[in-house]
PDB file of N, CA and C in Angstrom:
ATOM      1  N   MET A   1      19.320 -99.787  -0.448  1.00  0.00           N
ATOM      2  CA  MET A   1      20.048 -98.571  -0.518  1.00  0.00           C
ATOM      3  C   MET A   1      21.102 -98.501   0.614  1.00  0.00           C
ATOM      4  N   PRO A   2      22.312 -98.195   0.356  1.00  0.00           N
ATOM      5  CA  PRO A   2      23.306 -98.134   1.371  1.00  0.00           C
ATOM      6  C   PRO A   2      22.937 -96.969   2.335  1.00  0.00           C
ATOM      7  N   THR A   3      23.373 -97.052   3.577  1.00  0.00           N
ATOM      8  CA  THR A   3      23.309 -96.010   4.357  1.00  0.00           C
ATOM      9  C   THR A   3      24.552 -95.576   5.055  1.00  0.00           C
ATOM     10  N   ARG A   4      25.034 -94.471   4.595  1.00  0.00           N
ATOM     11  CA  ARG A   4      26.296 -93.942   4.902  1.00  0.00           C
ATOM     12  C   ARG A   4      26.195 -92.444   5.093  1.00  0.00           C
ATOM     13  N   ARG A   5      27.189 -91.903   5.622  1.00  0.00           N
ATOM     14  CA  ARG A   5      27.196 -90.292   5.706  1.00  0.00           C
ATOM     15  C   ARG A   5      27.229 -89.847   4.226  1.00  0.00           C
ATOM     16  N   SER A   6      26.662 -88.705   4.125  1.00  0.00           N
ATOM     17  CA  SER A   6      26.446 -88.024   2.811  1.00  0.00           C
ATOM     18  C   SER A   6      25.415 -88.761   1.933  1.00  0.00           C
ATOM     19  N   ASP A   7      24.635 -89.623   2.292  1.00  0.00           N
ATOM     20  CA  ASP A   7      23.668 -90.375   1.548  1.00  0.00           C
ATOM     21  C   ASP A   7      22.526 -89.383   1.094  1.00  0.00           C
ATOM     22  N   GLY A   8      22.471 -88.177   1.719  1.00  0.00           N
ATOM     23  CA  GLY A   8      21.437 -87.207   1.250  1.00  0.00           C
ATOM     24  C   GLY A   8      21.483 -86.926  -0.260  1.00  0.00           C
ATOM     25  N   ALA A   9      22.636 -87.146  -0.822  1.00  0.00           N
ATOM     26  CA  ALA A   9      22.742 -86.952  -2.203  1.00  0.00           C
ATOM     27  C   ALA A   9      21.889 -87.931  -3.050  1.00  0.00           C
ATOM     28  N   TYR A  10      21.491 -89.023  -2.508  1.00  0.00           N
ATOM     29  CA  TYR A  10      20.633 -90.055  -3.130  1.00  0.00           C
ATOM     30  C   TYR A  10      19.219 -89.394  -3.422  1.00  0.00           C
ATOM     31  N   LEU A  11      18.900 -88.420  -2.483  1.00  0.00           N
ATOM     32  CA  LEU A  11      17.608 -87.910  -2.499  1.00  0.00           C
ATOM     33  C   LEU A  11      17.384 -86.986  -3.911  1.00  0.00           C
ATOM     34  N   ALA A  12      18.441 -86.858  -4.711  1.00  0.00           N
ATOM     35  CA  ALA A  12      18.348 -86.065  -5.888  1.00  0.00           C
ATOM     36  C   ALA A  12      17.937 -87.056  -7.126  1.00  0.00           C
ATOM     37  N   LYS A  13      18.077 -88.347  -6.761  1.00  0.00           N
ATOM     38  CA  LYS A  13      17.739 -89.429  -7.808  1.00  0.00           C
ATOM     39  C   LYS A  13      16.258 -89.536  -7.903  1.00  0.00           C
ATOM     40  N   ALA A  14      15.893 -89.637  -9.213  1.00  0.00           N
ATOM     41  CA  ALA A  14      14.369 -89.750  -9.467  1.00  0.00           C
ATOM     42  C   ALA A  14      13.743 -90.970  -8.839  1.00  0.00           C
ATOM     43  N   GLU A  15      14.343 -92.070  -8.989  1.00  0.00           N
ATOM     44  CA  GLU A  15      13.817 -93.370  -8.313  1.00  0.00           C
ATOM     45  C   GLU A  15      13.720 -93.289  -6.796  1.00  0.00           C
ATOM     46  N   VAL A  16      14.568 -92.573  -6.197  1.00  0.00           N
ATOM     47  CA  VAL A  16      14.445 -92.310  -4.831  1.00  0.00           C
ATOM     48  C   VAL A  16      13.326 -91.346  -4.410  1.00  0.00           C
ATOM     49  N   VAL A  17      13.313 -90.230  -5.063  1.00  0.00           N
ATOM     50  CA  VAL A  17      12.235 -89.248  -4.809  1.00  0.00           C
ATOM     51  C   VAL A  17      10.982 -89.738  -5.124  1.00  0.00           C
ATOM     52  N   ASP A  18      10.678 -90.576  -6.204  1.00  0.00           N
ATOM     53  CA  ASP A  18       9.475 -91.103  -6.442  1.00  0.00           C
ATOM     54  C   ASP A  18       8.890 -92.177  -5.507  1.00  0.00           C
ATOM     55  N   ASN A  19       9.837 -92.798  -4.768  1.00  0.00           N
ATOM     56  CA  ASN A  19       9.562 -93.954  -3.948  1.00  0.00           C
ATOM     57  C   ASN A  19       9.611 -93.837  -2.506  1.00  0.00           C
ATOM     58  N   LEU A  20      10.109 -92.697  -2.099  1.00  0.00           N
ATOM     59  CA  LEU A  20      10.396 -92.527  -0.578  1.00  0.00           C
ATOM     60  C   LEU A  20       9.147 -91.848   0.115  1.00  0.00           C
ATOM     61  N   ARG A  21       8.745 -92.488   1.109  1.00  0.00           N
ATOM     62  CA  ARG A  21       7.680 -92.006   1.932  1.00  0.00           C
ATOM     63  C   ARG A  21       8.183 -91.885   3.408  1.00  0.00           C
ATOM     64  N   GLY A  22       8.107 -90.750   4.060  1.00  0.00           N
ATOM     65  CA  GLY A  22       8.648 -90.596   5.487  1.00  0.00           C
ATOM     66  C   GLY A  22       7.402 -90.819   6.366  1.00  0.00           C
ATOM     67  N   LEU A  23       7.723 -91.223   7.550  1.00  0.00           N
ATOM     68  CA  LEU A  23       6.798 -91.411   8.611  1.00  0.00           C
ATOM     69  C   LEU A  23       6.285 -90.029   9.056  1.00  0.00           C
ATOM     70  N   GLY A  24       5.002 -89.667   8.792  1.00  0.00           N
ATOM     71  CA  GLY A  24       4.498 -88.381   9.264  1.00  0.00           C
ATOM     72  C   GLY A  24       4.944 -87.293   8.301  1.00  0.00           C
ATOM     73  N   THR A  25       5.649 -87.504   7.268  1.00  0.00           N
ATOM     74  CA  THR A  25       5.965 -86.359   6.419  1.00  0.00           C
ATOM     75  C   THR A  25       5.405 -86.668   4.959  1.00  0.00           C
ATOM     76  N   GLY A  26       4.949 -87.873   4.652  1.00  0.00           N
ATOM     77  CA  GLY A  26       4.364 -88.080   3.310  1.00  0.00           C
ATOM     78  C   GLY A  26       5.359 -88.348   2.305  1.00  0.00           C
ATOM     79  N   GLN A  27       4.944 -88.379   1.045  1.00  0.00           N
ATOM     80  CA  GLN A  27       5.778 -88.630  -0.128  1.00  0.00           C
ATOM     81  C   GLN A  27       6.761 -87.608  -0.338  1.00  0.00           C
ATOM     82  N   LEU A  28       8.010 -88.046  -0.515  1.00  0.00           N
ATOM     83  CA  LEU A  28       9.151 -87.042  -0.854  1.00  0.00           C
ATOM     84  C   LEU A  28       8.835 -86.210  -2.219  1.00  0.00           C
ATOM     85  N   ASP A  29       8.245 -86.871  -3.100  1.00  0.00           N
ATOM     86  CA  ASP A  29       8.060 -86.188  -4.344  1.00  0.00           C
ATOM     87  C   ASP A  29       7.094 -85.063  -4.189  1.00  0.00           C
ATOM     88  N   ASP A  30       6.164 -85.016  -3.349  1.00  0.00           N
ATOM     89  CA  ASP A  30       5.258 -84.036  -3.049  1.00  0.00           C
ATOM     90  C   ASP A  30       6.089 -82.745  -2.481  1.00  0.00           C
ATOM     91  N   SER A  31       6.958 -83.073  -1.442  1.00  0.00           N
ATOM     92  CA  SER A  31       7.716 -82.077  -0.878  1.00  0.00           C
ATOM     93  C   SER A  31       8.719 -81.381  -1.850  1.00  0.00           C
ATOM     94  N   MET A  32       9.288 -82.248  -2.664  1.00  0.00           N
ATOM     95  CA  MET A  32      10.269 -81.769  -3.594  1.00  0.00           C
ATOM     96  C   MET A  32       9.503 -80.993  -4.714  1.00  0.00           C
ATOM     97  N   ASN A  33       8.348 -81.276  -5.180  1.00  0.00           N
ATOM     98  CA  ASN A  33       7.648 -80.420  -6.173  1.00  0.00           C
ATOM     99  C   ASN A  33       7.247 -79.279  -5.577  1.00  0.00           C
ATOM    100  N   ALA A  34       6.911 -79.145  -4.284  1.00  0.00           N
ATOM    101  CA  ALA A  34       6.595 -77.826  -3.753  1.00  0.00           C
ATOM    102  C   ALA A  34       7.721 -76.997  -3.643  1.00  0.00           C
ATOM    103  N   LEU A  35       8.865 -77.515  -3.391  1.00  0.00           N
ATOM    104  CA  LEU A  35      10.077 -76.635  -3.303  1.00  0.00           C
ATOM    105  C   LEU A  35      10.398 -76.102  -4.708  1.00  0.00           C
ATOM    106  N   VAL A  36      10.330 -77.000  -5.706  1.00  0.00           N
ATOM    107  CA  VAL A  36      10.562 -76.675  -7.190  1.00  0.00           C
ATOM    108  C   VAL A  36       9.628 -75.463  -7.569  1.00  0.00           C
ATOM    109  N   GLN A  37       8.384 -75.725  -7.234  1.00  0.00           N
ATOM    110  CA  GLN A  37       7.304 -74.735  -7.703  1.00  0.00           C
ATOM    111  C   GLN A  37       7.595 -73.492  -6.928  1.00  0.00           C
ATOM    112  N   ALA A  38       8.023 -73.447  -5.787  1.00  0.00           N
ATOM    113  CA  ALA A  38       8.361 -72.243  -4.980  1.00  0.00           C
ATOM    114  C   ALA A  38       9.527 -71.505  -5.408  1.00  0.00           C
ATOM    115  N   GLY A  39      10.334 -72.158  -6.270  1.00  0.00           N
ATOM    116  CA  GLY A  39      11.567 -71.545  -6.719  1.00  0.00           C
ATOM    117  C   GLY A  39      12.803 -71.633  -5.598  1.00  0.00           C
ATOM    118  N   VAL A  40      12.659 -72.548  -4.728  1.00  0.00           N
ATOM    119  CA  VAL A  40      13.603 -72.685  -3.654  1.00  0.00           C
ATOM    120  C   VAL A  40      14.924 -73.316  -4.362  1.00  0.00           C
ATOM    121  N   PRO A  41      16.065 -72.660  -4.175  1.00  0.00           N
ATOM    122  CA  PRO A  41      17.220 -73.304  -4.837  1.00  0.00           C
ATOM    123  C   PRO A  41      17.674 -74.489  -4.029  1.00  0.00           C
ATOM    124  N   ILE A  42      18.083 -75.577  -4.810  1.00  0.00           N
ATOM    125  CA  ILE A  42      18.420 -76.739  -4.253  1.00  0.00           C
ATOM    126  C   ILE A  42      19.854 -77.080  -4.615  1.00  0.00           C
ATOM    127  N   TYR A  43      20.703 -77.289  -3.746  1.00  0.00           N
ATOM    128  CA  TYR A  43      22.152 -77.605  -4.004  1.00  0.00           C
ATOM    129  C   TYR A  43      22.399 -79.001  -3.468  1.00  0.00           C
ATOM    130  N   VAL A  44      23.226 -79.681  -4.310  1.00  0.00           N
ATOM    131  CA  VAL A  44      23.564 -81.094  -3.978  1.00  0.00           C
ATOM    132  C   VAL A  44      25.008 -81.169  -4.057  1.00  0.00           C
ATOM    133  N   SER A  45      25.641 -81.745  -2.881  1.00  0.00           N
ATOM    134  CA  SER A  45      27.204 -81.867  -2.904  1.00  0.00           C
ATOM    135  C   SER A  45      27.756 -82.617  -4.137  1.00  0.00           C
ATOM    136  N   GLY A  46      28.462 -81.910  -4.939  1.00  0.00           N
ATOM    137  CA  GLY A  46      28.984 -82.603  -6.191  1.00  0.00           C
ATOM    138  C   GLY A  46      29.747 -83.817  -5.985  1.00  0.00           C
ATOM    139  N   MET A  47      30.647 -83.733  -4.816  1.00  0.00           N
ATOM    140  CA  MET A  47      31.441 -84.871  -4.555  1.00  0.00           C
ATOM    141  C   MET A  47      30.545 -86.125  -4.139  1.00  0.00           C
ATOM    142  N   SER A  48      29.700 -85.852  -3.203  1.00  0.00           N
ATOM    143  CA  SER A  48      28.820 -86.987  -2.678  1.00  0.00           C
ATOM    144  C   SER A  48      27.972 -87.521  -3.918  1.00  0.00           C
ATOM    145  N   ALA A  49      27.478 -86.579  -4.684  1.00  0.00           N
ATOM    146  CA  ALA A  49      26.599 -86.939  -5.896  1.00  0.00           C
ATOM    147  C   ALA A  49      27.357 -87.806  -6.825  1.00  0.00           C
ATOM    148  N   LYS A  50      28.505 -87.523  -7.112  1.00  0.00           N
ATOM    149  CA  LYS A  50      29.298 -88.261  -8.109  1.00  0.00           C
ATOM    150  C   LYS A  50      29.528 -89.603  -7.552  1.00  0.00           C
ATOM    151  N   GLY A  51      29.880 -89.869  -6.372  1.00  0.00           N
ATOM    152  CA  GLY A  51      30.046 -91.173  -5.803  1.00  0.00           C
ATOM    153  C   GLY A  51      28.772 -92.036  -5.638  1.00  0.00           C
ATOM    154  N   ARG A  52      27.679 -91.305  -5.973  1.00  0.00           N
ATOM    155  CA  ARG A  52      26.362 -92.079  -5.738  1.00  0.00           C
ATOM    156  C   ARG A  52      25.638 -92.100  -7.079  1.00  0.00           C
ATOM    157  N   GLY A  53      26.267 -91.763  -8.065  1.00  0.00           N
ATOM    158  CA  GLY A  53      25.583 -91.971  -9.427  1.00  0.00           C
ATOM    159  C   GLY A  53      24.625 -90.862  -9.817  1.00  0.00           C
ATOM    160  N   VAL A  54      24.538 -89.648  -9.057  1.00  0.00           N
ATOM    161  CA  VAL A  54      23.597 -88.753  -9.329  1.00  0.00           C
ATOM    162  C   VAL A  54      24.017 -88.025 -10.671  1.00  0.00           C
ATOM    163  N   THR A  55      23.200 -87.813 -11.620  1.00  0.00           N
ATOM    164  CA  THR A  55      23.469 -87.280 -12.862  1.00  0.00           C
ATOM    165  C   THR A  55      22.904 -85.838 -13.152  1.00  0.00           C
ATOM    166  N   ASP A  56      23.396 -85.150 -14.189  1.00  0.00           N
ATOM    167  CA  ASP A  56      22.819 -83.866 -14.489  1.00  0.00           C
ATOM    168  C   ASP A  56      21.323 -83.932 -14.699  1.00  0.00           C
ATOM    169  N   GLY A  57      20.855 -85.012 -15.338  1.00  0.00           N
ATOM    170  CA  GLY A  57      19.500 -85.244 -15.475  1.00  0.00           C
ATOM    171  C   GLY A  57      18.589 -85.213 -14.283  1.00  0.00           C
ATOM    172  N   ASP A  58      19.217 -85.938 -13.277  1.00  0.00           N
ATOM    173  CA  ASP A  58      18.603 -86.021 -12.011  1.00  0.00           C
ATOM    174  C   ASP A  58      18.390 -84.540 -11.417  1.00  0.00           C
ATOM    175  N   LEU A  59      19.406 -83.813 -11.439  1.00  0.00           N
ATOM    176  CA  LEU A  59      19.297 -82.399 -11.074  1.00  0.00           C
ATOM    177  C   LEU A  59      18.403 -81.491 -11.865  1.00  0.00           C
ATOM    178  N   GLU A  60      18.461 -81.728 -13.121  1.00  0.00           N
ATOM    179  CA  GLU A  60      17.569 -81.026 -14.041  1.00  0.00           C
ATOM    180  C   GLU A  60      16.114 -81.036 -13.632  1.00  0.00           C
ATOM    181  N   ARG A  61      15.737 -82.221 -13.321  1.00  0.00           N
ATOM    182  CA  ARG A  61      14.393 -82.528 -12.939  1.00  0.00           C
ATOM    183  C   ARG A  61      13.875 -81.710 -11.691  1.00  0.00           C
ATOM    184  N   LEU A  62      14.865 -81.515 -10.698  1.00  0.00           N
ATOM    185  CA  LEU A  62      14.647 -80.758  -9.525  1.00  0.00           C
ATOM    186  C   LEU A  62      14.876 -79.217  -9.727  1.00  0.00           C
ATOM    187  N   GLY A  63      15.600 -78.891 -10.846  1.00  0.00           N
ATOM    188  CA  GLY A  63      16.193 -77.434 -10.820  1.00  0.00           C
ATOM    189  C   GLY A  63      17.211 -77.268  -9.858  1.00  0.00           C
ATOM    190  N   ALA A  64      18.010 -78.412  -9.626  1.00  0.00           N
ATOM    191  CA  ALA A  64      19.025 -78.283  -8.641  1.00  0.00           C
ATOM    192  C   ALA A  64      20.395 -78.074  -9.225  1.00  0.00           C
ATOM    193  N   THR A  65      21.328 -77.769  -8.418  1.00  0.00           N
ATOM    194  CA  THR A  65      22.616 -77.384  -8.910  1.00  0.00           C
ATOM    195  C   THR A  65      23.743 -78.128  -8.088  1.00  0.00           C
ATOM    196  N   PHE A  66      24.695 -78.834  -8.768  1.00  0.00           N
ATOM    197  CA  PHE A  66      25.847 -79.321  -8.058  1.00  0.00           C
ATOM    198  C   PHE A  66      26.645 -78.277  -7.308  1.00  0.00           C
ATOM    199  N   ALA A  67      27.078 -78.459  -6.088  1.00  0.00           N
ATOM    200  CA  ALA A  67      27.875 -77.558  -5.368  1.00  0.00           C
ATOM    201  C   ALA A  67      28.953 -78.149  -4.770  1.00  0.00           C
ATOM    202  N   MET A  68      30.114 -77.619  -4.711  1.00  0.00           N
ATOM    203  CA  MET A  68      31.206 -78.029  -4.126  1.00  0.00           C
ATOM    204  C   MET A  68      31.248 -77.548  -2.529  1.00  0.00           C
ATOM    205  N   PRO A  69      31.991 -78.257  -1.704  1.00  0.00           N
ATOM    206  CA  PRO A  69      31.965 -77.907  -0.218  1.00  0.00           C
ATOM    207  C   PRO A  69      32.122 -76.409   0.056  1.00  0.00           C
ATOM    208  N   ALA A  70      32.919 -75.674  -0.622  1.00  0.00           N
ATOM    209  CA  ALA A  70      33.125 -74.165  -0.383  1.00  0.00           C
ATOM    210  C   ALA A  70      31.763 -73.428  -0.507  1.00  0.00           C
ATOM    211  N   LYS A  71      31.058 -73.858  -1.512  1.00  0.00           N
ATOM    212  CA  LYS A  71      29.720 -73.209  -1.935  1.00  0.00           C
ATOM    213  C   LYS A  71      28.658 -73.495  -0.710  1.00  0.00           C
ATOM    214  N   LEU A  72      28.788 -74.723  -0.186  1.00  0.00           N
ATOM    215  CA  LEU A  72      27.785 -75.171   0.815  1.00  0.00           C
ATOM    216  C   LEU A  72      28.229 -74.460   2.176  1.00  0.00           C
ATOM    217  N   VAL A  73      29.621 -74.237   2.358  1.00  0.00           N
ATOM    218  CA  VAL A  73      29.981 -73.531   3.624  1.00  0.00           C
ATOM    219  C   VAL A  73      29.550 -71.973   3.479  1.00  0.00           C
ATOM    220  N   ASP A  74      29.780 -71.376   2.205  1.00  0.00           N
ATOM    221  CA  ASP A  74      29.334 -70.056   2.029  1.00  0.00           C
ATOM    222  C   ASP A  74      27.793 -69.775   2.268  1.00  0.00           C
ATOM    223  N   LEU A  75      26.955 -70.658   1.691  1.00  0.00           N
ATOM    224  CA  LEU A  75      25.543 -70.589   1.892  1.00  0.00           C
ATOM    225  C   LEU A  75      25.175 -70.802   3.388  1.00  0.00           C
ATOM    226  N   THR A  76      25.879 -71.642   4.180  1.00  0.00           N
ATOM    227  CA  THR A  76      25.641 -71.681   5.598  1.00  0.00           C
ATOM    228  C   THR A  76      25.905 -70.485   6.345  1.00  0.00           C
ATOM    229  N   PHE A  77      27.003 -69.850   6.093  1.00  0.00           N
ATOM    230  CA  PHE A  77      27.367 -68.579   6.790  1.00  0.00           C
ATOM    231  C   PHE A  77      26.504 -67.485   6.338  1.00  0.00           C
ATOM    232  N   GLU A  78      26.182 -67.316   5.026  1.00  0.00           N
ATOM    233  CA  GLU A  78      25.269 -66.379   4.496  1.00  0.00           C
ATOM    234  C   GLU A  78      23.959 -66.335   5.150  1.00  0.00           C
ATOM    235  N   ASN A  79      23.497 -67.553   5.483  1.00  0.00           N
ATOM    236  CA  ASN A  79      22.071 -67.690   5.921  1.00  0.00           C
ATOM    237  C   ASN A  79      21.966 -68.064   7.342  1.00  0.00           C
ATOM    238  N   GLU A  80      23.088 -68.185   8.120  1.00  0.00           N
ATOM    239  CA  GLU A  80      23.226 -68.321   9.565  1.00  0.00           C
ATOM    240  C   GLU A  80      22.253 -69.588   9.850  1.00  0.00           C
ATOM    241  N   ARG A  81      22.650 -70.630   9.242  1.00  0.00           N
ATOM    242  CA  ARG A  81      21.973 -71.913   9.395  1.00  0.00           C
ATOM    243  C   ARG A  81      22.856 -73.008   9.714  1.00  0.00           C
ATOM    244  N   VAL A  82      22.524 -74.105  10.298  1.00  0.00           N
ATOM    245  CA  VAL A  82      23.268 -75.202  10.637  1.00  0.00           C
ATOM    246  C   VAL A  82      22.809 -76.442   9.807  1.00  0.00           C
ATOM    247  N   LEU A  83      23.782 -77.047   9.086  1.00  0.00           N
ATOM    248  CA  LEU A  83      23.462 -78.265   8.229  1.00  0.00           C
ATOM    249  C   LEU A  83      23.814 -79.486   9.114  1.00  0.00           C
ATOM    250  N   VAL A  84      22.964 -80.446   9.058  1.00  0.00           N
ATOM    251  CA  VAL A  84      23.310 -81.810   9.604  1.00  0.00           C
ATOM    252  C   VAL A  84      23.005 -82.757   8.452  1.00  0.00           C
ATOM    253  N   TYR A  85      23.949 -83.609   8.132  1.00  0.00           N
ATOM    254  CA  TYR A  85      23.700 -84.635   7.191  1.00  0.00           C
ATOM    255  C   TYR A  85      24.711 -85.808   7.354  1.00  0.00           C
TER     256      TYR A  85
END
């Protein structure tokens, strides 16, 4: 898998979620399932996702939504958080 900026969008793809295990964090699918069950909204950069082949089906599985940069900036200011990707 390529490693470039904005590769976080790959984390929406089923084959990545199902096969990624972090050091000390466990299987990604366990964490993603917990987020989905808790009703946490998940947003994926639409522009990054398009360039990485993320589909509507990938997002549907996660209950996620494509978001454009303006939405991501709005969410950041609304929640007083810093994003690093």
